[in-house]
Amino acid sequence: MNASKTLEKTLVASPERKLEADADLAVVRRVQAGDVAAFDRLISKYRERVVGIVYNMTSNREDAADLAQDAFIKAFQSIHRFQGQASFFTWLYRIAINSTLSHLRKNRLRAFFSLEAIREDDPVSKEVVDALTDRTGVGRDAFVRELQEKLNDAMQKLSINHRTVVTLFEIDGLSHQEIAEVMSCSVGTVRSRLHYAKQLLQAELQPYLPK
């Protein structure tokens, strides 16, 4: 990943994100003022994205739907405590992530990381994509299955926090700053966890990568 892409990924305050955050805050203020029905706008806007992130962490569509619904209920119940220091999107994601992490720890579920979702502009991911490109036909299908199993096994060697950072960055496309806000940690911690996770994944997948 080149420096400009890294910088773009690290920074949050793009004009589009700022406008989106301001629009959400206006809706939140309406809900806080007693317009309960306005919250439906936030549900409609973010439900698919919240279900997506939870599904990427649990690989269970029923659990994803239930946990997403739970996140919106908790957000609504706590809406008067939202002061706007972070964007509503980040605040809602944090609620959803915390609920999902509690669910995973309680049930010790095995989450799966899909090859289809990896970012091709990431050095580790690019090596995986290059390896797949060299395969064709039946041999490629068998290789994909084996690589998928190996990738999931490698992900299970990471802590839940490390897996969550990888999922938020690689699949959901959140910036370092957004992940830090969602997970209530520093940007440096996010970078450290990503670096460690990618080193482990690269080591585990080395036999499958181009020589």
N, C-alpha and C. Protein backbone atom coordinates (compact mmCIF):
# COMPACT_ATOMS: atom_id res chain seq x y z
N MET A 1 0.85 -1.18 0.00
CA MET A 1 0.00 0.00 0.00
C MET A 1 0.89 1.23 0.00
N ASN A 2 0.66 2.19 -0.93
CA ASN A 2 1.55 3.34 -0.99
C ASN A 2 1.18 4.36 0.07
N ALA A 3 2.05 5.38 0.21
CA ALA A 3 1.88 6.33 1.32
C ALA A 3 0.58 7.10 1.21
N SER A 4 0.20 7.50 -0.02
CA SER A 4 -1.02 8.29 -0.18
C SER A 4 -2.25 7.50 0.22
N LYS A 5 -2.28 6.20 -0.13
CA LYS A 5 -3.43 5.38 0.24
C LYS A 5 -3.47 5.15 1.73
N THR A 6 -2.27 5.00 2.33
CA THR A 6 -2.23 4.82 3.78
C THR A 6 -2.76 6.06 4.48
N LEU A 7 -2.35 7.25 4.00
CA LEU A 7 -2.81 8.50 4.59
C LEU A 7 -4.32 8.63 4.43
N GLU A 8 -4.81 8.32 3.23
CA GLU A 8 -6.25 8.40 2.97
C GLU A 8 -7.01 7.46 3.90
N LYS A 9 -6.43 6.28 4.14
CA LYS A 9 -7.09 5.29 4.99
C LYS A 9 -7.05 5.71 6.44
N THR A 10 -6.03 6.43 6.84
CA THR A 10 -5.86 6.79 8.24
C THR A 10 -6.74 7.96 8.65
N LEU A 11 -6.93 8.91 7.75
CA LEU A 11 -7.69 10.11 8.08
C LEU A 11 -9.18 9.88 7.90
N VAL A 12 -9.98 10.56 8.72
CA VAL A 12 -11.42 10.34 8.70
C VAL A 12 -12.16 11.53 8.12
N ALA A 13 -11.70 12.73 8.43
CA ALA A 13 -12.50 13.92 8.23
C ALA A 13 -12.58 14.35 6.78
N SER A 14 -13.09 13.50 5.90
CA SER A 14 -13.36 13.89 4.53
C SER A 14 -14.62 14.74 4.53
N PRO A 15 -14.79 15.61 3.53
CA PRO A 15 -16.01 16.43 3.47
C PRO A 15 -17.28 15.60 3.47
N GLU A 16 -17.26 14.47 2.76
CA GLU A 16 -18.44 13.61 2.68
C GLU A 16 -18.80 13.04 4.06
N ARG A 17 -17.77 12.56 4.78
CA ARG A 17 -18.01 12.00 6.10
C ARG A 17 -18.53 13.08 7.05
N LYS A 18 -17.98 14.30 6.94
CA LYS A 18 -18.42 15.40 7.81
C LYS A 18 -19.88 15.75 7.54
N LEU A 19 -20.26 15.82 6.28
CA LEU A 19 -21.65 16.11 5.94
C LEU A 19 -22.58 15.02 6.44
N GLU A 20 -22.14 13.78 6.29
CA GLU A 20 -22.94 12.65 6.76
C GLU A 20 -23.12 12.70 8.27
N ALA A 21 -22.04 12.98 8.99
CA ALA A 21 -22.09 13.06 10.45
C ALA A 21 -23.01 14.19 10.90
N ASP A 22 -22.94 15.33 10.21
CA ASP A 22 -23.80 16.46 10.56
C ASP A 22 -25.27 16.14 10.32
N ALA A 23 -25.54 15.46 9.20
CA ALA A 23 -26.92 15.08 8.89
C ALA A 23 -27.46 14.11 9.94
N ASP A 24 -26.63 13.14 10.33
CA ASP A 24 -27.05 12.17 11.36
C ASP A 24 -27.30 12.87 12.69
N LEU A 25 -26.43 13.81 13.02
CA LEU A 25 -26.58 14.52 14.29
C LEU A 25 -27.89 15.29 14.32
N ALA A 26 -28.29 15.86 13.19
CA ALA A 26 -29.55 16.58 13.12
C ALA A 26 -30.73 15.65 13.40
N VAL A 27 -30.64 14.42 12.86
CA VAL A 27 -31.71 13.44 13.12
C VAL A 27 -31.70 13.04 14.58
N VAL A 28 -30.52 12.81 15.13
CA VAL A 28 -30.41 12.44 16.55
C VAL A 28 -31.02 13.52 17.44
N ARG A 29 -30.75 14.76 17.11
CA ARG A 29 -31.30 15.86 17.91
C ARG A 29 -32.83 15.85 17.87
N ARG A 30 -33.41 15.48 16.73
CA ARG A 30 -34.86 15.37 16.63
C ARG A 30 -35.39 14.26 17.54
N VAL A 31 -34.68 13.12 17.54
CA VAL A 31 -35.09 12.01 18.40
C VAL A 31 -34.99 12.42 19.86
N GLN A 32 -33.91 13.08 20.20
CA GLN A 32 -33.71 13.52 21.59
C GLN A 32 -34.77 14.54 22.02
N ALA A 33 -35.30 15.26 21.04
CA ALA A 33 -36.34 16.26 21.34
C ALA A 33 -37.74 15.66 21.41
N GLY A 34 -37.83 14.35 21.15
CA GLY A 34 -39.13 13.70 21.29
C GLY A 34 -39.71 13.13 20.01
N ASP A 35 -39.05 13.37 18.86
CA ASP A 35 -39.54 12.82 17.59
C ASP A 35 -39.01 11.39 17.43
N VAL A 36 -39.64 10.47 18.14
CA VAL A 36 -39.16 9.08 18.18
C VAL A 36 -39.13 8.46 16.79
N ALA A 37 -40.10 8.80 15.94
CA ALA A 37 -40.19 8.20 14.61
C ALA A 37 -38.97 8.52 13.75
N ALA A 38 -38.27 9.61 14.06
CA ALA A 38 -37.10 10.00 13.27
C ALA A 38 -36.00 8.95 13.35
N PHE A 39 -36.00 8.18 14.43
CA PHE A 39 -34.96 7.15 14.58
C PHE A 39 -35.03 6.11 13.47
N ASP A 40 -36.23 5.93 12.90
CA ASP A 40 -36.38 4.98 11.79
C ASP A 40 -35.49 5.34 10.62
N ARG A 41 -35.21 6.62 10.44
CA ARG A 41 -34.33 7.05 9.35
C ARG A 41 -32.92 6.52 9.55
N LEU A 42 -32.47 6.51 10.79
CA LEU A 42 -31.14 6.00 11.10
C LEU A 42 -31.09 4.49 10.94
N ILE A 43 -32.18 3.81 11.32
CA ILE A 43 -32.24 2.36 11.14
C ILE A 43 -32.17 2.02 9.66
N SER A 44 -32.97 2.71 8.84
CA SER A 44 -32.99 2.45 7.40
C SER A 44 -31.63 2.71 6.77
N LYS A 45 -30.96 3.74 7.25
CA LYS A 45 -29.67 4.14 6.67
C LYS A 45 -28.56 3.16 7.01
N TYR A 46 -28.55 2.64 8.25
CA TYR A 46 -27.40 1.87 8.71
C TYR A 46 -27.65 0.40 8.95
N ARG A 47 -28.90 -0.05 8.83
CA ARG A 47 -29.18 -1.45 9.16
C ARG A 47 -28.34 -2.42 8.33
N GLU A 48 -28.29 -2.22 7.03
CA GLU A 48 -27.54 -3.14 6.16
C GLU A 48 -26.07 -3.17 6.52
N ARG A 49 -25.49 -2.01 6.82
CA ARG A 49 -24.08 -1.94 7.16
C ARG A 49 -23.80 -2.61 8.50
N VAL A 50 -24.69 -2.43 9.47
CA VAL A 50 -24.49 -3.05 10.78
C VAL A 50 -24.64 -4.56 10.67
N VAL A 51 -25.66 -5.01 9.95
CA VAL A 51 -25.82 -6.46 9.75
C VAL A 51 -24.59 -7.03 9.06
N GLY A 52 -24.04 -6.29 8.10
CA GLY A 52 -22.86 -6.75 7.38
C GLY A 52 -21.65 -6.95 8.27
N ILE A 53 -21.37 -5.96 9.13
CA ILE A 53 -20.19 -6.09 9.99
C ILE A 53 -20.38 -7.21 11.00
N VAL A 54 -21.59 -7.36 11.53
CA VAL A 54 -21.83 -8.44 12.49
C VAL A 54 -21.73 -9.79 11.80
N TYR A 55 -22.23 -9.88 10.59
CA TYR A 55 -22.14 -11.15 9.86
C TYR A 55 -20.68 -11.51 9.58
N ASN A 56 -19.89 -10.52 9.22
CA ASN A 56 -18.47 -10.78 8.96
C ASN A 56 -17.75 -11.28 10.20
N MET A 57 -18.28 -10.97 11.38
CA MET A 57 -17.65 -11.41 12.62
C MET A 57 -18.21 -12.75 13.11
N THR A 58 -19.46 -13.07 12.74
CA THR A 58 -20.09 -14.29 13.27
C THR A 58 -20.32 -15.37 12.22
N SER A 59 -20.40 -14.97 10.94
CA SER A 59 -20.72 -15.90 9.84
C SER A 59 -22.05 -16.62 10.08
N ASN A 60 -22.96 -15.95 10.74
CA ASN A 60 -24.29 -16.51 11.00
C ASN A 60 -25.32 -15.41 10.73
N ARG A 61 -26.13 -15.60 9.70
CA ARG A 61 -27.06 -14.55 9.28
C ARG A 61 -28.14 -14.29 10.34
N GLU A 62 -28.60 -15.34 11.00
CA GLU A 62 -29.62 -15.16 12.03
C GLU A 62 -29.05 -14.38 13.20
N ASP A 63 -27.84 -14.76 13.63
CA ASP A 63 -27.19 -14.02 14.72
C ASP A 63 -26.93 -12.57 14.32
N ALA A 64 -26.53 -12.37 13.07
CA ALA A 64 -26.23 -11.02 12.58
C ALA A 64 -27.48 -10.14 12.65
N ALA A 65 -28.61 -10.69 12.21
CA ALA A 65 -29.85 -9.92 12.24
C ALA A 65 -30.26 -9.61 13.68
N ASP A 66 -30.15 -10.60 14.56
CA ASP A 66 -30.54 -10.42 15.96
C ASP A 66 -29.64 -9.41 16.67
N LEU A 67 -28.32 -9.54 16.44
CA LEU A 67 -27.37 -8.65 17.10
C LEU A 67 -27.48 -7.22 16.57
N ALA A 68 -27.77 -7.08 15.28
CA ALA A 68 -27.96 -5.75 14.70
C ALA A 68 -29.19 -5.09 15.30
N GLN A 69 -30.26 -5.86 15.40
CA GLN A 69 -31.48 -5.33 16.02
C GLN A 69 -31.21 -4.92 17.46
N ASP A 70 -30.46 -5.74 18.17
CA ASP A 70 -30.11 -5.44 19.56
C ASP A 70 -29.30 -4.15 19.65
N ALA A 71 -28.40 -3.95 18.68
CA ALA A 71 -27.58 -2.74 18.67
C ALA A 71 -28.44 -1.49 18.49
N PHE A 72 -29.43 -1.56 17.61
CA PHE A 72 -30.30 -0.41 17.39
C PHE A 72 -31.18 -0.14 18.62
N ILE A 73 -31.64 -1.21 19.27
CA ILE A 73 -32.43 -1.04 20.50
C ILE A 73 -31.60 -0.35 21.57
N LYS A 74 -30.35 -0.82 21.74
CA LYS A 74 -29.47 -0.21 22.74
C LYS A 74 -29.17 1.25 22.38
N ALA A 75 -28.97 1.50 21.07
CA ALA A 75 -28.68 2.87 20.64
C ALA A 75 -29.88 3.78 20.94
N PHE A 76 -31.07 3.29 20.66
CA PHE A 76 -32.27 4.10 20.92
C PHE A 76 -32.44 4.35 22.41
N GLN A 77 -32.22 3.32 23.20
CA GLN A 77 -32.38 3.47 24.65
C GLN A 77 -31.35 4.42 25.26
N SER A 78 -30.20 4.55 24.57
CA SER A 78 -29.12 5.40 25.09
C SER A 78 -29.00 6.71 24.33
N ILE A 79 -29.94 7.01 23.46
CA ILE A 79 -29.80 8.14 22.54
C ILE A 79 -29.61 9.47 23.27
N HIS A 80 -30.18 9.60 24.46
CA HIS A 80 -30.04 10.87 25.18
C HIS A 80 -28.64 11.06 25.75
N ARG A 81 -27.85 10.00 25.76
CA ARG A 81 -26.47 10.12 26.23
C ARG A 81 -25.51 10.45 25.08
N PHE A 82 -26.01 10.40 23.86
CA PHE A 82 -25.16 10.71 22.71
C PHE A 82 -25.00 12.23 22.60
N GLN A 83 -23.75 12.69 22.69
CA GLN A 83 -23.47 14.13 22.69
C GLN A 83 -22.83 14.62 21.39
N GLY A 84 -22.47 13.70 20.51
CA GLY A 84 -21.92 14.12 19.23
C GLY A 84 -20.42 14.28 19.19
N GLN A 85 -19.70 13.79 20.22
CA GLN A 85 -18.24 13.89 20.18
C GLN A 85 -17.69 13.05 19.03
N ALA A 86 -18.30 11.89 18.81
CA ALA A 86 -17.98 11.06 17.64
C ALA A 86 -19.20 11.08 16.73
N SER A 87 -19.05 10.56 15.52
CA SER A 87 -20.21 10.50 14.63
C SER A 87 -21.19 9.44 15.13
N PHE A 88 -22.45 9.58 14.77
CA PHE A 88 -23.44 8.58 15.16
C PHE A 88 -23.06 7.21 14.61
N PHE A 89 -22.54 7.21 13.38
CA PHE A 89 -22.10 5.97 12.73
C PHE A 89 -21.07 5.24 13.59
N THR A 90 -20.08 5.98 14.08
CA THR A 90 -19.04 5.38 14.92
C THR A 90 -19.62 4.90 16.24
N TRP A 91 -20.47 5.70 16.84
CA TRP A 91 -21.10 5.35 18.12
C TRP A 91 -21.94 4.09 17.97
N LEU A 92 -22.72 4.00 16.90
CA LEU A 92 -23.55 2.82 16.65
C LEU A 92 -22.69 1.59 16.39
N TYR A 93 -21.63 1.75 15.60
CA TYR A 93 -20.72 0.63 15.34
C TYR A 93 -20.12 0.11 16.63
N ARG A 94 -19.75 1.03 17.53
CA ARG A 94 -19.15 0.60 18.79
C ARG A 94 -20.12 -0.26 19.58
N ILE A 95 -21.38 0.14 19.60
CA ILE A 95 -22.40 -0.64 20.30
C ILE A 95 -22.53 -2.02 19.67
N ALA A 96 -22.59 -2.05 18.34
CA ALA A 96 -22.74 -3.33 17.63
C ALA A 96 -21.54 -4.23 17.84
N ILE A 97 -20.34 -3.66 17.76
CA ILE A 97 -19.11 -4.43 17.93
C ILE A 97 -19.03 -5.00 19.35
N ASN A 98 -19.32 -4.17 20.34
CA ASN A 98 -19.25 -4.65 21.73
C ASN A 98 -20.25 -5.77 21.98
N SER A 99 -21.46 -5.64 21.44
CA SER A 99 -22.46 -6.70 21.60
C SER A 99 -22.00 -7.98 20.94
N THR A 100 -21.41 -7.84 19.76
CA THR A 100 -20.95 -9.02 19.02
C THR A 100 -19.77 -9.69 19.71
N LEU A 101 -18.84 -8.89 20.22
CA LEU A 101 -17.70 -9.45 20.94
C LEU A 101 -18.17 -10.22 22.18
N SER A 102 -19.14 -9.67 22.89
CA SER A 102 -19.69 -10.36 24.06
C SER A 102 -20.34 -11.67 23.64
N HIS A 103 -21.04 -11.63 22.53
CA HIS A 103 -21.71 -12.83 21.99
C HIS A 103 -20.68 -13.89 21.61
N LEU A 104 -19.60 -13.47 20.96
CA LEU A 104 -18.57 -14.41 20.52
C LEU A 104 -17.86 -15.03 21.73
N ARG A 105 -17.55 -14.20 22.71
CA ARG A 105 -16.86 -14.72 23.89
C ARG A 105 -17.76 -15.68 24.67
N LYS A 106 -19.02 -15.33 24.76
CA LYS A 106 -19.95 -16.16 25.52
C LYS A 106 -20.18 -17.50 24.84
N ASN A 107 -20.30 -17.49 23.52
CA ASN A 107 -20.63 -18.71 22.80
C ASN A 107 -19.44 -19.39 22.15
N ARG A 108 -18.26 -18.73 22.25
CA ARG A 108 -17.04 -19.28 21.68
C ARG A 108 -17.25 -19.71 20.23
N LEU A 109 -17.87 -18.82 19.47
CA LEU A 109 -18.17 -19.14 18.07
C LEU A 109 -16.93 -18.97 17.20
N ARG A 110 -16.90 -19.72 16.12
CA ARG A 110 -15.80 -19.65 15.17
C ARG A 110 -16.22 -18.74 14.02
N ALA A 111 -15.53 -17.64 13.86
CA ALA A 111 -15.85 -16.70 12.78
C ALA A 111 -15.00 -17.02 11.56
N PHE A 112 -15.54 -16.75 10.38
CA PHE A 112 -14.84 -17.06 9.13
C PHE A 112 -14.56 -15.79 8.35
N PHE A 113 -13.38 -15.77 7.75
CA PHE A 113 -12.92 -14.63 6.97
C PHE A 113 -12.97 -15.02 5.50
N SER A 114 -13.73 -14.29 4.70
CA SER A 114 -13.94 -14.67 3.31
C SER A 114 -12.84 -14.14 2.40
N LEU A 115 -12.37 -15.01 1.51
CA LEU A 115 -11.38 -14.59 0.53
C LEU A 115 -11.95 -13.54 -0.42
N GLU A 116 -13.27 -13.59 -0.63
CA GLU A 116 -13.90 -12.68 -1.58
C GLU A 116 -13.84 -11.23 -1.12
N ALA A 117 -13.62 -11.03 0.18
CA ALA A 117 -13.68 -9.69 0.74
C ALA A 117 -12.32 -9.04 0.93
N ILE A 118 -11.24 -9.75 0.65
CA ILE A 118 -9.92 -9.19 0.94
C ILE A 118 -9.62 -8.01 0.03
N ARG A 119 -8.84 -7.06 0.56
CA ARG A 119 -8.49 -5.84 -0.16
C ARG A 119 -7.24 -6.09 -1.02
N GLU A 120 -7.40 -5.87 -2.33
CA GLU A 120 -6.30 -6.18 -3.24
C GLU A 120 -5.18 -5.15 -3.19
N ASP A 121 -5.41 -3.99 -2.55
CA ASP A 121 -4.33 -3.00 -2.47
C ASP A 121 -3.47 -3.17 -1.23
N ASP A 122 -3.77 -4.21 -0.45
CA ASP A 122 -2.96 -4.51 0.72
C ASP A 122 -1.88 -5.52 0.32
N PRO A 123 -0.62 -5.34 0.76
CA PRO A 123 0.48 -6.23 0.34
C PRO A 123 0.21 -7.70 0.59
N VAL A 124 -0.27 -8.06 1.79
CA VAL A 124 -0.54 -9.46 2.09
C VAL A 124 -1.66 -9.97 1.21
N SER A 125 -2.75 -9.20 1.12
CA SER A 125 -3.89 -9.61 0.31
C SER A 125 -3.49 -9.76 -1.16
N LYS A 126 -2.64 -8.85 -1.65
CA LYS A 126 -2.23 -8.90 -3.05
C LYS A 126 -1.48 -10.20 -3.36
N GLU A 127 -0.68 -10.66 -2.41
CA GLU A 127 0.04 -11.92 -2.62
C GLU A 127 -0.95 -13.08 -2.74
N VAL A 128 -2.02 -13.04 -1.93
CA VAL A 128 -3.03 -14.08 -2.02
C VAL A 128 -3.72 -14.03 -3.37
N VAL A 129 -4.08 -12.82 -3.80
CA VAL A 129 -4.74 -12.66 -5.10
C VAL A 129 -3.83 -13.13 -6.23
N ASP A 130 -2.54 -12.78 -6.16
CA ASP A 130 -1.59 -13.22 -7.19
C ASP A 130 -1.49 -14.74 -7.23
N ALA A 131 -1.52 -15.35 -6.05
CA ALA A 131 -1.45 -16.81 -5.99
C ALA A 131 -2.67 -17.44 -6.65
N LEU A 132 -3.83 -16.84 -6.41
CA LEU A 132 -5.05 -17.35 -7.02
C LEU A 132 -5.05 -17.16 -8.53
N THR A 133 -4.49 -16.05 -8.98
CA THR A 133 -4.44 -15.75 -10.40
C THR A 133 -3.64 -16.78 -11.18
N ASP A 134 -2.66 -17.37 -10.53
CA ASP A 134 -1.81 -18.37 -11.19
C ASP A 134 -2.49 -19.72 -11.33
N ARG A 135 -3.67 -19.86 -10.71
CA ARG A 135 -4.35 -21.16 -10.72
C ARG A 135 -5.54 -21.12 -11.68
N THR A 136 -5.79 -22.22 -12.33
CA THR A 136 -6.92 -22.30 -13.25
C THR A 136 -7.66 -23.63 -13.07
N GLY A 137 -8.91 -23.64 -13.53
CA GLY A 137 -9.68 -24.88 -13.60
C GLY A 137 -9.89 -25.55 -12.25
N VAL A 138 -9.94 -26.88 -12.29
CA VAL A 138 -10.20 -27.67 -11.09
C VAL A 138 -9.12 -27.44 -10.04
N GLY A 139 -7.89 -27.31 -10.49
CA GLY A 139 -6.80 -27.08 -9.55
C GLY A 139 -6.99 -25.80 -8.76
N ARG A 140 -7.52 -24.78 -9.41
CA ARG A 140 -7.76 -23.51 -8.73
C ARG A 140 -8.84 -23.66 -7.67
N ASP A 141 -9.92 -24.35 -7.98
CA ASP A 141 -11.01 -24.53 -7.02
C ASP A 141 -10.51 -25.25 -5.76
N ALA A 142 -9.72 -26.29 -5.95
CA ALA A 142 -9.18 -27.03 -4.81
C ALA A 142 -8.24 -26.13 -4.00
N PHE A 143 -7.44 -25.34 -4.71
CA PHE A 143 -6.50 -24.43 -4.05
C PHE A 143 -7.25 -23.38 -3.24
N VAL A 144 -8.34 -22.84 -3.81
CA VAL A 144 -9.13 -21.83 -3.10
C VAL A 144 -9.71 -22.41 -1.82
N ARG A 145 -10.25 -23.63 -1.89
CA ARG A 145 -10.82 -24.26 -0.69
C ARG A 145 -9.75 -24.46 0.38
N GLU A 146 -8.59 -24.94 -0.06
CA GLU A 146 -7.51 -25.19 0.90
C GLU A 146 -7.01 -23.89 1.51
N LEU A 147 -6.88 -22.86 0.65
CA LEU A 147 -6.40 -21.57 1.14
C LEU A 147 -7.42 -20.94 2.08
N GLN A 148 -8.71 -21.08 1.77
CA GLN A 148 -9.75 -20.53 2.63
C GLN A 148 -9.69 -21.17 4.01
N GLU A 149 -9.55 -22.49 4.05
CA GLU A 149 -9.45 -23.19 5.33
C GLU A 149 -8.22 -22.74 6.12
N LYS A 150 -7.10 -22.59 5.40
CA LYS A 150 -5.87 -22.16 6.06
C LYS A 150 -6.00 -20.74 6.59
N LEU A 151 -6.67 -19.88 5.81
CA LEU A 151 -6.86 -18.49 6.24
C LEU A 151 -7.73 -18.43 7.48
N ASN A 152 -8.79 -19.21 7.51
CA ASN A 152 -9.66 -19.22 8.68
C ASN A 152 -8.94 -19.79 9.91
N ASP A 153 -8.14 -20.84 9.69
CA ASP A 153 -7.35 -21.39 10.80
C ASP A 153 -6.40 -20.33 11.35
N ALA A 154 -5.78 -19.58 10.44
CA ALA A 154 -4.84 -18.54 10.86
C ALA A 154 -5.58 -17.44 11.64
N MET A 155 -6.77 -17.08 11.18
CA MET A 155 -7.56 -16.05 11.87
C MET A 155 -7.89 -16.47 13.30
N GLN A 156 -8.11 -17.77 13.49
CA GLN A 156 -8.47 -18.26 14.82
C GLN A 156 -7.30 -18.18 15.80
N LYS A 157 -6.08 -18.03 15.28
CA LYS A 157 -4.91 -17.90 16.14
C LYS A 157 -4.77 -16.47 16.67
N LEU A 158 -5.55 -15.56 16.10
CA LEU A 158 -5.55 -14.18 16.56
C LEU A 158 -6.54 -14.03 17.72
N SER A 159 -6.30 -13.06 18.57
CA SER A 159 -7.27 -12.76 19.62
C SER A 159 -8.52 -12.16 18.97
N ILE A 160 -9.61 -12.11 19.72
CA ILE A 160 -10.84 -11.53 19.18
C ILE A 160 -10.61 -10.07 18.79
N ASN A 161 -9.85 -9.33 19.59
CA ASN A 161 -9.58 -7.93 19.28
C ASN A 161 -8.79 -7.79 17.98
N HIS A 162 -7.81 -8.66 17.77
CA HIS A 162 -7.03 -8.61 16.53
C HIS A 162 -7.89 -8.98 15.33
N ARG A 163 -8.72 -10.01 15.47
CA ARG A 163 -9.61 -10.40 14.38
C ARG A 163 -10.59 -9.29 14.04
N THR A 164 -11.06 -8.61 15.07
CA THR A 164 -12.02 -7.53 14.85
C THR A 164 -11.38 -6.38 14.08
N VAL A 165 -10.16 -6.02 14.43
CA VAL A 165 -9.45 -4.95 13.72
C VAL A 165 -9.26 -5.32 12.25
N VAL A 166 -8.84 -6.55 12.00
CA VAL A 166 -8.65 -6.99 10.61
C VAL A 166 -9.97 -6.93 9.85
N THR A 167 -11.05 -7.39 10.47
CA THR A 167 -12.36 -7.38 9.81
C THR A 167 -12.82 -5.96 9.51
N LEU A 168 -12.70 -5.07 10.47
CA LEU A 168 -13.13 -3.69 10.27
C LEU A 168 -12.32 -2.99 9.18
N PHE A 169 -11.01 -3.29 9.12
CA PHE A 169 -10.14 -2.64 8.15
C PHE A 169 -10.26 -3.27 6.77
N GLU A 170 -10.14 -4.59 6.70
CA GLU A 170 -10.07 -5.28 5.42
C GLU A 170 -11.43 -5.40 4.74
N ILE A 171 -12.48 -5.71 5.52
CA ILE A 171 -13.78 -5.96 4.92
C ILE A 171 -14.66 -4.71 4.92
N ASP A 172 -14.71 -4.03 6.06
CA ASP A 172 -15.63 -2.90 6.16
C ASP A 172 -15.01 -1.58 5.73
N GLY A 173 -13.70 -1.56 5.55
CA GLY A 173 -13.07 -0.37 4.99
C GLY A 173 -12.99 0.82 5.93
N LEU A 174 -13.06 0.59 7.24
CA LEU A 174 -12.96 1.68 8.18
C LEU A 174 -11.51 2.17 8.26
N SER A 175 -11.35 3.45 8.55
CA SER A 175 -10.01 4.01 8.71
C SER A 175 -9.45 3.63 10.07
N HIS A 176 -8.16 3.88 10.25
CA HIS A 176 -7.53 3.61 11.54
C HIS A 176 -8.23 4.40 12.65
N GLN A 177 -8.53 5.67 12.37
CA GLN A 177 -9.17 6.52 13.37
C GLN A 177 -10.56 6.00 13.73
N GLU A 178 -11.34 5.60 12.73
CA GLU A 178 -12.68 5.08 12.98
C GLU A 178 -12.62 3.80 13.82
N ILE A 179 -11.68 2.92 13.47
CA ILE A 179 -11.55 1.67 14.24
C ILE A 179 -11.18 1.99 15.68
N ALA A 180 -10.28 2.96 15.87
CA ALA A 180 -9.88 3.35 17.22
C ALA A 180 -11.08 3.83 18.02
N GLU A 181 -11.95 4.61 17.38
CA GLU A 181 -13.14 5.12 18.08
C GLU A 181 -14.12 3.99 18.37
N VAL A 182 -14.29 3.09 17.40
CA VAL A 182 -15.22 1.97 17.58
C VAL A 182 -14.76 1.07 18.71
N MET A 183 -13.45 0.81 18.78
CA MET A 183 -12.92 -0.14 19.75
C MET A 183 -12.38 0.52 21.02
N SER A 184 -12.57 1.84 21.12
CA SER A 184 -12.16 2.58 22.31
C SER A 184 -10.68 2.36 22.64
N CYS A 185 -9.84 2.52 21.62
CA CYS A 185 -8.39 2.41 21.82
C CYS A 185 -7.71 3.48 20.99
N SER A 186 -6.39 3.54 21.05
CA SER A 186 -5.66 4.56 20.30
C SER A 186 -5.43 4.11 18.86
N VAL A 187 -5.15 5.08 18.00
CA VAL A 187 -4.81 4.77 16.61
C VAL A 187 -3.55 3.91 16.56
N GLY A 188 -2.61 4.21 17.47
CA GLY A 188 -1.38 3.42 17.53
C GLY A 188 -1.66 1.96 17.85
N THR A 189 -2.63 1.72 18.73
CA THR A 189 -3.01 0.34 19.07
C THR A 189 -3.62 -0.35 17.86
N VAL A 190 -4.43 0.37 17.11
CA VAL A 190 -5.03 -0.19 15.89
C VAL A 190 -3.94 -0.60 14.91
N ARG A 191 -2.99 0.30 14.68
CA ARG A 191 -1.90 0.01 13.75
C ARG A 191 -1.08 -1.19 14.23
N SER A 192 -0.81 -1.22 15.53
CA SER A 192 -0.03 -2.32 16.09
C SER A 192 -0.75 -3.65 15.92
N ARG A 193 -2.05 -3.67 16.18
CA ARG A 193 -2.82 -4.90 16.03
C ARG A 193 -2.88 -5.35 14.58
N LEU A 194 -3.05 -4.40 13.67
CA LEU A 194 -3.08 -4.74 12.25
C LEU A 194 -1.74 -5.30 11.80
N HIS A 195 -0.67 -4.66 12.25
CA HIS A 195 0.68 -5.11 11.86
C HIS A 195 0.93 -6.53 12.37
N TYR A 196 0.61 -6.77 13.63
CA TYR A 196 0.81 -8.10 14.21
C TYR A 196 -0.04 -9.14 13.47
N ALA A 197 -1.31 -8.80 13.24
CA ALA A 197 -2.22 -9.74 12.59
C ALA A 197 -1.74 -10.09 11.18
N LYS A 198 -1.31 -9.09 10.44
CA LYS A 198 -0.86 -9.34 9.06
C LYS A 198 0.44 -10.14 9.03
N GLN A 199 1.31 -9.90 10.00
CA GLN A 199 2.54 -10.69 10.08
C GLN A 199 2.21 -12.16 10.32
N LEU A 200 1.28 -12.42 11.24
CA LEU A 200 0.90 -13.80 11.54
C LEU A 200 0.23 -14.44 10.33
N LEU A 201 -0.70 -13.72 9.71
CA LEU A 201 -1.41 -14.27 8.56
C LEU A 201 -0.44 -14.56 7.41
N GLN A 202 0.50 -13.65 7.19
CA GLN A 202 1.47 -13.85 6.12
C GLN A 202 2.34 -15.07 6.39
N ALA A 203 2.74 -15.24 7.64
CA ALA A 203 3.56 -16.40 8.01
C ALA A 203 2.78 -17.70 7.82
N GLU A 204 1.52 -17.69 8.22
CA GLU A 204 0.69 -18.89 8.12
C GLU A 204 0.39 -19.24 6.66
N LEU A 205 0.28 -18.22 5.81
CA LEU A 205 -0.09 -18.45 4.41
C LEU A 205 1.12 -18.55 3.49
N GLN A 206 2.31 -18.42 4.04
CA GLN A 206 3.53 -18.39 3.22
C GLN A 206 3.64 -19.56 2.24
N PRO A 207 3.32 -20.80 2.65
CA PRO A 207 3.43 -21.93 1.70
C PRO A 207 2.51 -21.80 0.49
N TYR A 208 1.50 -20.92 0.58
CA TYR A 208 0.53 -20.78 -0.49
C TYR A 208 0.79 -19.57 -1.38
N LEU A 209 1.74 -18.74 -0.98
CA LEU A 209 2.01 -17.50 -1.68
C LEU A 209 3.08 -17.68 -2.75
N PRO A 210 3.12 -16.80 -3.77
CA PRO A 210 4.12 -16.90 -4.82
C PRO A 210 5.53 -16.85 -4.26
N LYS A 211 6.41 -17.66 -4.84
CA LYS A 211 7.80 -17.71 -4.39
C LYS A 211 8.57 -16.51 -4.93
